[in-house]
N, C-alpha and C. Protein backbone atom coordinates (compact mmCIF):
# COMPACT_ATOMS: atom_id res chain seq x y z
N MET A 1 186.14 -79.91 -285.82
CA MET A 1 186.40 -79.46 -284.49
C MET A 1 187.90 -79.58 -284.22
N HIS A 2 188.44 -78.53 -283.67
CA HIS A 2 189.87 -78.51 -283.37
C HIS A 2 190.12 -78.90 -281.92
N PRO A 3 191.21 -79.62 -281.68
CA PRO A 3 191.53 -79.96 -280.29
C PRO A 3 191.89 -78.69 -279.51
N ALA A 4 191.57 -78.73 -278.23
CA ALA A 4 191.90 -77.58 -277.38
C ALA A 4 193.42 -77.42 -277.33
N PRO A 5 193.87 -76.18 -277.39
CA PRO A 5 195.32 -75.98 -277.33
C PRO A 5 195.87 -76.44 -275.98
N ALA A 6 197.04 -77.00 -276.03
CA ALA A 6 197.70 -77.47 -274.80
C ALA A 6 198.08 -76.27 -273.94
N ALA A 7 197.97 -76.45 -272.65
CA ALA A 7 198.37 -75.37 -271.74
C ALA A 7 199.87 -75.17 -271.87
N PRO A 8 200.29 -73.92 -271.92
CA PRO A 8 201.74 -73.69 -272.05
C PRO A 8 202.46 -74.23 -270.81
N GLU A 9 203.60 -74.85 -271.08
CA GLU A 9 204.38 -75.39 -269.97
C GLU A 9 205.12 -74.26 -269.27
N GLU A 10 205.27 -74.40 -267.98
CA GLU A 10 206.02 -73.43 -267.19
C GLU A 10 207.50 -73.64 -267.49
N PRO A 11 208.17 -72.64 -268.01
CA PRO A 11 209.61 -72.83 -268.29
C PRO A 11 210.39 -73.04 -266.99
N ARG A 12 211.44 -73.83 -267.08
CA ARG A 12 212.27 -74.12 -265.90
C ARG A 12 212.84 -72.84 -265.30
N ASP A 13 213.13 -71.87 -266.14
CA ASP A 13 213.74 -70.64 -265.67
C ASP A 13 212.74 -69.51 -265.53
N ALA A 14 211.50 -69.85 -265.27
CA ALA A 14 210.48 -68.82 -265.08
C ALA A 14 210.90 -67.94 -263.90
N VAL A 15 210.61 -66.69 -264.01
CA VAL A 15 210.99 -65.75 -262.95
C VAL A 15 209.92 -65.77 -261.86
N PRO A 16 210.28 -66.20 -260.66
CA PRO A 16 209.30 -66.24 -259.56
C PRO A 16 209.17 -64.87 -258.90
N TYR A 17 208.55 -63.94 -259.61
CA TYR A 17 208.47 -62.56 -259.13
C TYR A 17 207.89 -62.45 -257.73
N GLU A 18 206.87 -63.25 -257.44
CA GLU A 18 206.25 -63.17 -256.12
C GLU A 18 207.26 -63.52 -255.03
N LEU A 19 208.04 -64.58 -255.23
CA LEU A 19 209.04 -64.95 -254.23
C LEU A 19 210.16 -63.91 -254.14
N ILE A 20 210.56 -63.38 -255.27
CA ILE A 20 211.60 -62.34 -255.26
C ILE A 20 211.11 -61.14 -254.45
N GLU A 21 209.89 -60.73 -254.71
CA GLU A 21 209.36 -59.56 -254.01
C GLU A 21 209.12 -59.86 -252.53
N LEU A 22 208.64 -61.05 -252.21
CA LEU A 22 208.49 -61.42 -250.81
C LEU A 22 209.85 -61.40 -250.09
N PHE A 23 210.86 -61.86 -250.80
CA PHE A 23 212.21 -61.86 -250.23
C PHE A 23 212.66 -60.43 -249.94
N PHE A 24 212.43 -59.51 -250.90
CA PHE A 24 212.79 -58.10 -250.69
C PHE A 24 212.08 -57.53 -249.46
N PHE A 25 210.77 -57.77 -249.36
CA PHE A 25 210.01 -57.23 -248.24
C PHE A 25 210.41 -57.87 -246.91
N ALA A 26 210.64 -59.18 -246.92
CA ALA A 26 211.06 -59.87 -245.71
C ALA A 26 212.41 -59.34 -245.24
N TYR A 27 213.33 -59.15 -246.17
CA TYR A 27 214.65 -58.62 -245.82
C TYR A 27 214.52 -57.20 -245.28
N ARG A 28 213.69 -56.40 -245.91
CA ARG A 28 213.48 -55.01 -245.46
C ARG A 28 213.06 -55.00 -244.00
N ASP A 29 212.11 -55.83 -243.64
CA ASP A 29 211.61 -55.84 -242.28
C ASP A 29 212.57 -56.54 -241.32
N PHE A 30 213.26 -57.56 -241.79
CA PHE A 30 214.23 -58.29 -240.97
C PHE A 30 215.36 -57.37 -240.53
N VAL A 31 215.85 -56.52 -241.41
CA VAL A 31 216.94 -55.61 -241.06
C VAL A 31 216.41 -54.27 -240.52
N GLY A 32 215.14 -53.98 -240.75
CA GLY A 32 214.57 -52.70 -240.31
C GLY A 32 214.56 -52.53 -238.81
N ASP A 33 214.24 -53.59 -238.08
CA ASP A 33 214.22 -53.49 -236.62
C ASP A 33 215.61 -53.09 -236.09
N PRO A 34 216.67 -53.82 -236.45
CA PRO A 34 218.00 -53.42 -236.00
C PRO A 34 218.44 -52.06 -236.54
N ASP A 35 218.05 -51.74 -237.78
CA ASP A 35 218.44 -50.45 -238.36
C ASP A 35 218.03 -49.28 -237.48
N ARG A 36 216.84 -49.35 -236.90
CA ARG A 36 216.34 -48.26 -236.06
C ARG A 36 217.21 -48.09 -234.80
N ILE A 37 217.63 -49.20 -234.23
CA ILE A 37 218.49 -49.13 -233.05
C ILE A 37 219.90 -48.66 -233.44
N LEU A 38 220.43 -49.20 -234.51
CA LEU A 38 221.77 -48.83 -234.97
C LEU A 38 221.86 -47.34 -235.29
N ALA A 39 220.79 -46.77 -235.80
CA ALA A 39 220.78 -45.35 -236.14
C ALA A 39 221.05 -44.48 -234.91
N ASP A 40 220.61 -44.93 -233.74
CA ASP A 40 220.86 -44.19 -232.51
C ASP A 40 222.35 -44.06 -232.20
N TYR A 41 223.13 -44.99 -232.72
CA TYR A 41 224.58 -44.99 -232.51
C TYR A 41 225.34 -44.39 -233.70
N GLY A 42 224.61 -44.03 -234.74
CA GLY A 42 225.26 -43.56 -235.97
C GLY A 42 225.83 -44.70 -236.79
N PHE A 43 225.32 -45.92 -236.57
CA PHE A 43 225.80 -47.11 -237.25
C PHE A 43 224.81 -47.53 -238.33
N GLY A 44 225.30 -48.36 -239.24
CA GLY A 44 224.46 -48.91 -240.31
C GLY A 44 224.57 -50.42 -240.36
N ARG A 45 224.12 -50.98 -241.46
CA ARG A 45 224.09 -52.44 -241.62
C ARG A 45 225.48 -53.07 -241.63
N ALA A 46 226.46 -52.36 -242.17
CA ALA A 46 227.82 -52.90 -242.18
C ALA A 46 228.32 -53.05 -240.74
N HIS A 47 228.02 -52.09 -239.89
CA HIS A 47 228.41 -52.18 -238.48
C HIS A 47 227.73 -53.40 -237.83
N HIS A 48 226.47 -53.60 -238.18
CA HIS A 48 225.71 -54.72 -237.63
C HIS A 48 226.36 -56.05 -238.01
N ARG A 49 226.69 -56.19 -239.29
CA ARG A 49 227.29 -57.46 -239.74
C ARG A 49 228.62 -57.71 -239.06
N VAL A 50 229.47 -56.68 -238.99
CA VAL A 50 230.78 -56.84 -238.34
C VAL A 50 230.58 -57.22 -236.88
N LEU A 51 229.75 -56.47 -236.18
CA LEU A 51 229.52 -56.74 -234.76
C LEU A 51 228.94 -58.13 -234.54
N HIS A 52 228.03 -58.54 -235.40
CA HIS A 52 227.42 -59.87 -235.27
C HIS A 52 228.48 -60.96 -235.33
N PHE A 53 229.31 -60.94 -236.36
CA PHE A 53 230.27 -62.03 -236.53
C PHE A 53 231.43 -61.94 -235.53
N VAL A 54 231.82 -60.74 -235.13
CA VAL A 54 232.87 -60.62 -234.11
C VAL A 54 232.35 -61.15 -232.78
N GLN A 55 231.09 -60.87 -232.47
CA GLN A 55 230.51 -61.37 -231.23
C GLN A 55 230.33 -62.89 -231.27
N ARG A 56 229.96 -63.43 -232.41
CA ARG A 56 229.72 -64.87 -232.54
C ARG A 56 231.02 -65.67 -232.65
N GLN A 57 232.09 -65.04 -233.12
CA GLN A 57 233.36 -65.74 -233.34
C GLN A 57 234.50 -64.98 -232.65
N PRO A 58 234.56 -65.00 -231.33
CA PRO A 58 235.62 -64.26 -230.62
C PRO A 58 237.00 -64.65 -231.12
N GLY A 59 237.85 -63.65 -231.35
CA GLY A 59 239.20 -63.89 -231.83
C GLY A 59 239.31 -63.95 -233.35
N LEU A 60 238.20 -63.68 -234.02
CA LEU A 60 238.18 -63.66 -235.48
C LEU A 60 239.26 -62.71 -236.00
N THR A 61 239.98 -63.12 -237.03
CA THR A 61 240.99 -62.22 -237.60
C THR A 61 240.33 -61.32 -238.64
N ILE A 62 241.00 -60.26 -238.97
CA ILE A 62 240.49 -59.34 -239.99
C ILE A 62 240.37 -60.08 -241.33
N ALA A 63 241.34 -60.91 -241.64
CA ALA A 63 241.29 -61.68 -242.91
C ALA A 63 240.07 -62.60 -242.93
N GLU A 64 239.79 -63.26 -241.82
CA GLU A 64 238.62 -64.14 -241.75
C GLU A 64 237.33 -63.35 -241.89
N LEU A 65 237.28 -62.19 -241.26
CA LEU A 65 236.08 -61.35 -241.35
C LEU A 65 235.87 -60.85 -242.78
N LEU A 66 236.95 -60.46 -243.43
CA LEU A 66 236.85 -60.05 -244.84
C LEU A 66 236.31 -61.18 -245.70
N ASP A 67 236.74 -62.41 -245.42
CA ASP A 67 236.29 -63.57 -246.17
C ASP A 67 234.80 -63.84 -245.92
N ILE A 68 234.36 -63.69 -244.68
CA ILE A 68 232.95 -63.91 -244.35
C ILE A 68 232.06 -62.87 -245.02
N LEU A 69 232.43 -61.60 -244.87
CA LEU A 69 231.57 -60.52 -245.34
C LEU A 69 231.71 -60.24 -246.84
N GLN A 70 232.84 -60.66 -247.40
CA GLN A 70 233.13 -60.41 -248.81
C GLN A 70 232.95 -58.93 -249.16
N ILE A 71 233.63 -58.10 -248.37
CA ILE A 71 233.65 -56.66 -248.63
C ILE A 71 235.11 -56.25 -248.80
N THR A 72 235.32 -55.02 -249.23
CA THR A 72 236.69 -54.56 -249.43
C THR A 72 237.33 -54.25 -248.08
N LYS A 73 238.64 -54.33 -248.05
CA LYS A 73 239.38 -54.01 -246.85
C LYS A 73 239.12 -52.56 -246.44
N GLN A 74 239.00 -51.70 -247.43
CA GLN A 74 238.74 -50.28 -247.18
C GLN A 74 237.40 -50.10 -246.46
N SER A 75 236.37 -50.79 -246.92
CA SER A 75 235.05 -50.70 -246.29
C SER A 75 235.11 -51.22 -244.86
N LEU A 76 235.77 -52.36 -244.67
CA LEU A 76 235.87 -52.94 -243.34
C LEU A 76 236.65 -52.02 -242.40
N ASN A 77 237.74 -51.45 -242.88
CA ASN A 77 238.57 -50.61 -242.03
C ASN A 77 237.78 -49.43 -241.46
N ARG A 78 236.96 -48.80 -242.28
CA ARG A 78 236.17 -47.65 -241.83
C ARG A 78 235.20 -48.08 -240.73
N VAL A 79 234.46 -49.14 -240.98
CA VAL A 79 233.46 -49.63 -240.04
C VAL A 79 234.13 -50.13 -238.76
N LEU A 80 235.18 -50.89 -238.91
CA LEU A 80 235.88 -51.45 -237.75
C LEU A 80 236.48 -50.34 -236.89
N LYS A 81 237.04 -49.34 -237.53
CA LYS A 81 237.61 -48.21 -236.80
C LYS A 81 236.54 -47.55 -235.92
N GLU A 82 235.36 -47.35 -236.47
CA GLU A 82 234.26 -46.73 -235.72
C GLU A 82 233.83 -47.62 -234.55
N LEU A 83 233.74 -48.92 -234.78
CA LEU A 83 233.34 -49.84 -233.71
C LEU A 83 234.39 -49.91 -232.60
N VAL A 84 235.67 -49.82 -232.96
CA VAL A 84 236.74 -49.83 -231.96
C VAL A 84 236.73 -48.51 -231.19
N GLU A 85 236.64 -47.40 -231.91
CA GLU A 85 236.67 -46.07 -231.27
C GLU A 85 235.49 -45.84 -230.33
N THR A 86 234.36 -46.44 -230.62
CA THR A 86 233.18 -46.27 -229.78
C THR A 86 233.08 -47.33 -228.69
N GLY A 87 234.04 -48.24 -228.64
CA GLY A 87 234.11 -49.20 -227.54
C GLY A 87 233.24 -50.44 -227.70
N PHE A 88 232.88 -50.79 -228.94
CA PHE A 88 232.06 -51.98 -229.15
C PHE A 88 232.89 -53.19 -229.56
N VAL A 89 234.07 -52.93 -230.13
CA VAL A 89 234.96 -54.01 -230.57
C VAL A 89 236.37 -53.68 -230.10
N GLU A 90 237.09 -54.73 -229.74
CA GLU A 90 238.48 -54.60 -229.33
C GLU A 90 239.35 -55.37 -230.31
N SER A 91 240.46 -54.77 -230.71
CA SER A 91 241.41 -55.41 -231.62
C SER A 91 242.68 -55.71 -230.82
N ARG A 92 243.06 -57.00 -230.80
CA ARG A 92 244.25 -57.42 -230.06
C ARG A 92 245.27 -58.03 -231.00
N THR A 93 246.54 -57.87 -230.64
CA THR A 93 247.62 -58.48 -231.40
C THR A 93 247.54 -59.99 -231.26
N GLY A 94 247.75 -60.70 -232.37
CA GLY A 94 247.72 -62.15 -232.35
C GLY A 94 248.78 -62.73 -231.44
N THR A 95 248.48 -63.84 -230.80
CA THR A 95 249.45 -64.46 -229.89
C THR A 95 250.52 -65.24 -230.64
N GLN A 96 250.16 -65.83 -231.77
CA GLN A 96 251.14 -66.60 -232.55
C GLN A 96 251.79 -65.76 -233.64
N ASP A 97 251.05 -64.84 -234.21
CA ASP A 97 251.56 -63.97 -235.27
C ASP A 97 251.27 -62.53 -234.86
N LYS A 98 252.31 -61.81 -234.51
CA LYS A 98 252.15 -60.44 -234.02
C LYS A 98 251.60 -59.49 -235.08
N ARG A 99 251.67 -59.88 -236.34
CA ARG A 99 251.11 -59.04 -237.42
C ARG A 99 249.60 -59.19 -237.51
N GLN A 100 249.10 -60.26 -236.95
CA GLN A 100 247.67 -60.57 -237.03
C GLN A 100 246.90 -59.80 -235.96
N ARG A 101 245.67 -59.36 -236.32
CA ARG A 101 244.80 -58.67 -235.38
C ARG A 101 243.59 -59.57 -235.13
N ASN A 102 243.33 -59.86 -233.85
CA ASN A 102 242.17 -60.65 -233.47
C ASN A 102 241.11 -59.72 -232.91
N LEU A 103 239.87 -59.97 -233.29
CA LEU A 103 238.76 -59.08 -232.93
C LEU A 103 237.88 -59.72 -231.88
N TYR A 104 237.47 -58.91 -230.92
CA TYR A 104 236.61 -59.35 -229.83
C TYR A 104 235.56 -58.29 -229.57
N ALA A 105 234.35 -58.71 -229.31
CA ALA A 105 233.30 -57.77 -228.89
C ALA A 105 233.55 -57.43 -227.43
N THR A 106 233.42 -56.16 -227.10
CA THR A 106 233.50 -55.74 -225.71
C THR A 106 232.18 -56.09 -225.04
N THR A 107 232.05 -55.81 -223.77
CA THR A 107 230.78 -56.05 -223.08
C THR A 107 229.66 -55.26 -223.77
N ALA A 108 229.92 -53.99 -224.08
CA ALA A 108 228.91 -53.17 -224.76
C ALA A 108 228.61 -53.75 -226.15
N GLY A 109 229.63 -54.24 -226.84
CA GLY A 109 229.44 -54.83 -228.16
C GLY A 109 228.61 -56.09 -228.10
N ARG A 110 228.89 -56.94 -227.11
CA ARG A 110 228.11 -58.18 -226.95
C ARG A 110 226.65 -57.84 -226.64
N GLU A 111 226.45 -56.88 -225.75
CA GLU A 111 225.08 -56.51 -225.38
C GLU A 111 224.29 -55.99 -226.58
N LEU A 112 224.93 -55.14 -227.39
CA LEU A 112 224.24 -54.61 -228.57
C LEU A 112 224.00 -55.71 -229.59
N ALA A 113 224.98 -56.56 -229.84
CA ALA A 113 224.83 -57.65 -230.81
C ALA A 113 223.69 -58.59 -230.39
N VAL A 114 223.63 -58.92 -229.12
CA VAL A 114 222.58 -59.83 -228.63
C VAL A 114 221.22 -59.14 -228.72
N ARG A 115 221.17 -57.86 -228.39
CA ARG A 115 219.90 -57.12 -228.50
C ARG A 115 219.37 -57.15 -229.93
N LEU A 116 220.25 -56.93 -230.89
CA LEU A 116 219.85 -56.94 -232.30
C LEU A 116 219.44 -58.35 -232.74
N ALA A 117 220.19 -59.36 -232.30
CA ALA A 117 219.87 -60.74 -232.65
C ALA A 117 218.52 -61.15 -232.06
N GLN A 118 218.23 -60.68 -230.86
CA GLN A 118 216.94 -61.01 -230.24
C GLN A 118 215.77 -60.42 -231.03
N LEU A 119 215.95 -59.21 -231.56
CA LEU A 119 214.91 -58.62 -232.41
C LEU A 119 214.67 -59.49 -233.64
N GLN A 120 215.75 -59.91 -234.27
CA GLN A 120 215.62 -60.73 -235.47
C GLN A 120 215.10 -62.12 -235.14
N ALA A 121 215.50 -62.66 -234.00
CA ALA A 121 215.01 -63.97 -233.58
C ALA A 121 213.50 -63.92 -233.35
N ARG A 122 213.02 -62.84 -232.77
CA ARG A 122 211.59 -62.69 -232.53
C ARG A 122 210.82 -62.75 -233.86
N ARG A 123 211.35 -62.06 -234.86
CA ARG A 123 210.70 -62.05 -236.18
C ARG A 123 210.75 -63.43 -236.82
N ILE A 124 211.90 -64.08 -236.77
CA ILE A 124 212.04 -65.42 -237.36
C ILE A 124 211.15 -66.42 -236.63
N ASN A 125 211.20 -66.40 -235.31
CA ASN A 125 210.38 -67.34 -234.53
C ASN A 125 208.90 -67.12 -234.75
N GLY A 126 208.48 -65.87 -234.90
CA GLY A 126 207.08 -65.57 -235.19
C GLY A 126 206.66 -66.13 -236.54
N ALA A 127 207.53 -65.98 -237.53
CA ALA A 127 207.22 -66.51 -238.86
C ALA A 127 207.18 -68.03 -238.84
N LEU A 128 208.12 -68.66 -238.15
CA LEU A 128 208.13 -70.12 -238.06
C LEU A 128 206.89 -70.64 -237.33
N ALA A 129 206.43 -69.91 -236.33
CA ALA A 129 205.23 -70.32 -235.59
C ALA A 129 204.00 -70.34 -236.51
N GLN A 130 204.01 -69.49 -237.52
CA GLN A 130 202.88 -69.45 -238.45
C GLN A 130 202.84 -70.65 -239.39
N VAL A 131 204.00 -71.23 -239.65
CA VAL A 131 204.05 -72.35 -240.61
C VAL A 131 204.29 -73.70 -239.95
N GLY A 132 204.58 -73.71 -238.66
CA GLY A 132 204.74 -74.98 -237.95
C GLY A 132 206.19 -75.29 -237.66
N PRO A 133 206.43 -76.07 -236.61
CA PRO A 133 207.80 -76.36 -236.16
C PRO A 133 208.61 -77.15 -237.18
N GLU A 134 207.95 -77.95 -237.99
CA GLU A 134 208.69 -78.75 -238.98
C GLU A 134 209.28 -77.89 -240.09
N ALA A 135 208.83 -76.65 -240.20
CA ALA A 135 209.28 -75.78 -241.28
C ALA A 135 210.71 -75.28 -241.08
N SER A 136 211.20 -75.28 -239.87
CA SER A 136 212.53 -74.74 -239.59
C SER A 136 213.61 -75.41 -240.45
N ASP A 137 213.59 -76.73 -240.53
CA ASP A 137 214.58 -77.45 -241.33
C ASP A 137 214.42 -77.14 -242.82
N ILE A 138 213.19 -77.03 -243.27
CA ILE A 138 212.93 -76.72 -244.68
C ILE A 138 213.43 -75.32 -245.01
N VAL A 139 213.13 -74.38 -244.13
CA VAL A 139 213.58 -73.00 -244.35
C VAL A 139 215.11 -72.95 -244.35
N ALA A 140 215.75 -73.66 -243.43
CA ALA A 140 217.21 -73.67 -243.38
C ALA A 140 217.80 -74.24 -244.67
N ARG A 141 217.21 -75.33 -245.18
CA ARG A 141 217.69 -75.92 -246.44
C ARG A 141 217.47 -74.95 -247.61
N TYR A 142 216.32 -74.28 -247.61
CA TYR A 142 216.00 -73.32 -248.67
C TYR A 142 217.02 -72.17 -248.66
N LEU A 143 217.27 -71.61 -247.48
CA LEU A 143 218.22 -70.50 -247.39
C LEU A 143 219.63 -70.96 -247.77
N ALA A 144 220.01 -72.15 -247.34
CA ALA A 144 221.32 -72.69 -247.73
C ALA A 144 221.40 -72.86 -249.24
N GLY A 145 220.28 -73.21 -249.85
CA GLY A 145 220.24 -73.36 -251.30
C GLY A 145 220.43 -72.04 -252.05
N LEU A 146 220.15 -70.94 -251.40
CA LEU A 146 220.35 -69.63 -252.02
C LEU A 146 221.82 -69.20 -252.00
N ILE A 147 222.61 -69.83 -251.15
CA ILE A 147 224.02 -69.49 -251.03
C ILE A 147 224.78 -70.09 -252.21
N ASP A 148 225.71 -69.33 -252.74
CA ASP A 148 226.53 -69.81 -253.85
C ASP A 148 227.15 -71.16 -253.48
N PRO A 149 227.04 -72.16 -254.35
CA PRO A 149 227.57 -73.49 -254.02
C PRO A 149 229.03 -73.49 -253.57
N SER A 150 229.84 -72.61 -254.13
CA SER A 150 231.26 -72.57 -253.74
C SER A 150 231.46 -72.05 -252.32
N GLU A 151 230.44 -71.44 -251.74
CA GLU A 151 230.54 -70.87 -250.39
C GLU A 151 229.85 -71.72 -249.33
N ARG A 152 229.08 -72.71 -249.71
CA ARG A 152 228.26 -73.45 -248.76
C ARG A 152 229.06 -74.14 -247.66
N LYS A 153 230.16 -74.78 -248.00
CA LYS A 153 230.98 -75.48 -247.00
C LYS A 153 231.51 -74.48 -245.98
N LYS A 154 231.98 -73.35 -246.44
CA LYS A 154 232.50 -72.32 -245.55
C LYS A 154 231.40 -71.82 -244.59
N VAL A 155 230.20 -71.64 -245.13
CA VAL A 155 229.07 -71.17 -244.30
C VAL A 155 228.69 -72.25 -243.28
N GLN A 156 228.65 -73.51 -243.71
CA GLN A 156 228.34 -74.60 -242.78
C GLN A 156 229.35 -74.64 -241.64
N ASP A 157 230.63 -74.47 -241.96
CA ASP A 157 231.65 -74.46 -240.93
C ASP A 157 231.45 -73.30 -239.96
N LEU A 158 231.09 -72.16 -240.49
CA LEU A 158 230.85 -70.98 -239.66
C LEU A 158 229.63 -71.19 -238.75
N LEU A 159 228.60 -71.83 -239.30
CA LEU A 159 227.39 -72.08 -238.53
C LEU A 159 227.60 -73.10 -237.42
N ALA A 160 228.67 -73.88 -237.52
CA ALA A 160 228.97 -74.88 -236.50
C ALA A 160 229.24 -74.24 -235.15
N GLY A 161 229.51 -72.94 -235.14
CA GLY A 161 229.67 -72.24 -233.88
C GLY A 161 231.05 -71.65 -233.70
N PRO A 162 231.20 -70.96 -232.56
CA PRO A 162 232.49 -70.33 -232.28
C PRO A 162 233.64 -71.33 -232.30
N ARG A 163 234.77 -70.82 -232.68
CA ARG A 163 235.95 -71.65 -232.82
C ARG A 163 236.46 -72.16 -231.50
């Protein structure tokens, strides 16, 4: 009689396809709600990200925004130009350095940014309600763990709130 074969061990680097796919679907729906509203303005996800961070960090410089979004200056310039021209973002000359441009959401920009954030908050809060209030800290740690280690401190500082 032969011994039963040992169950194969789960490799450390096993691909968690189910989590990857859940992440794709969750992201699709998380951004889908705002996408529908942004489409009415002729805007896309890049506009949403710029508007979100400009609204959350009044006076943000273009260099700081480029660092947060990690996009090219060319991409930012196109999106920012559209947001300024349509009256959602205002660009002001820096008070200490006249070469610097500080970004501010206008009243219309703040209203749109908050409207989009409320849609996403509703989805997040609904999901957290399904798993219990204690899950919020776990989810936050999990999402922070997905961020590149070299970027975590910068993200933590940003999450600390407006400057």
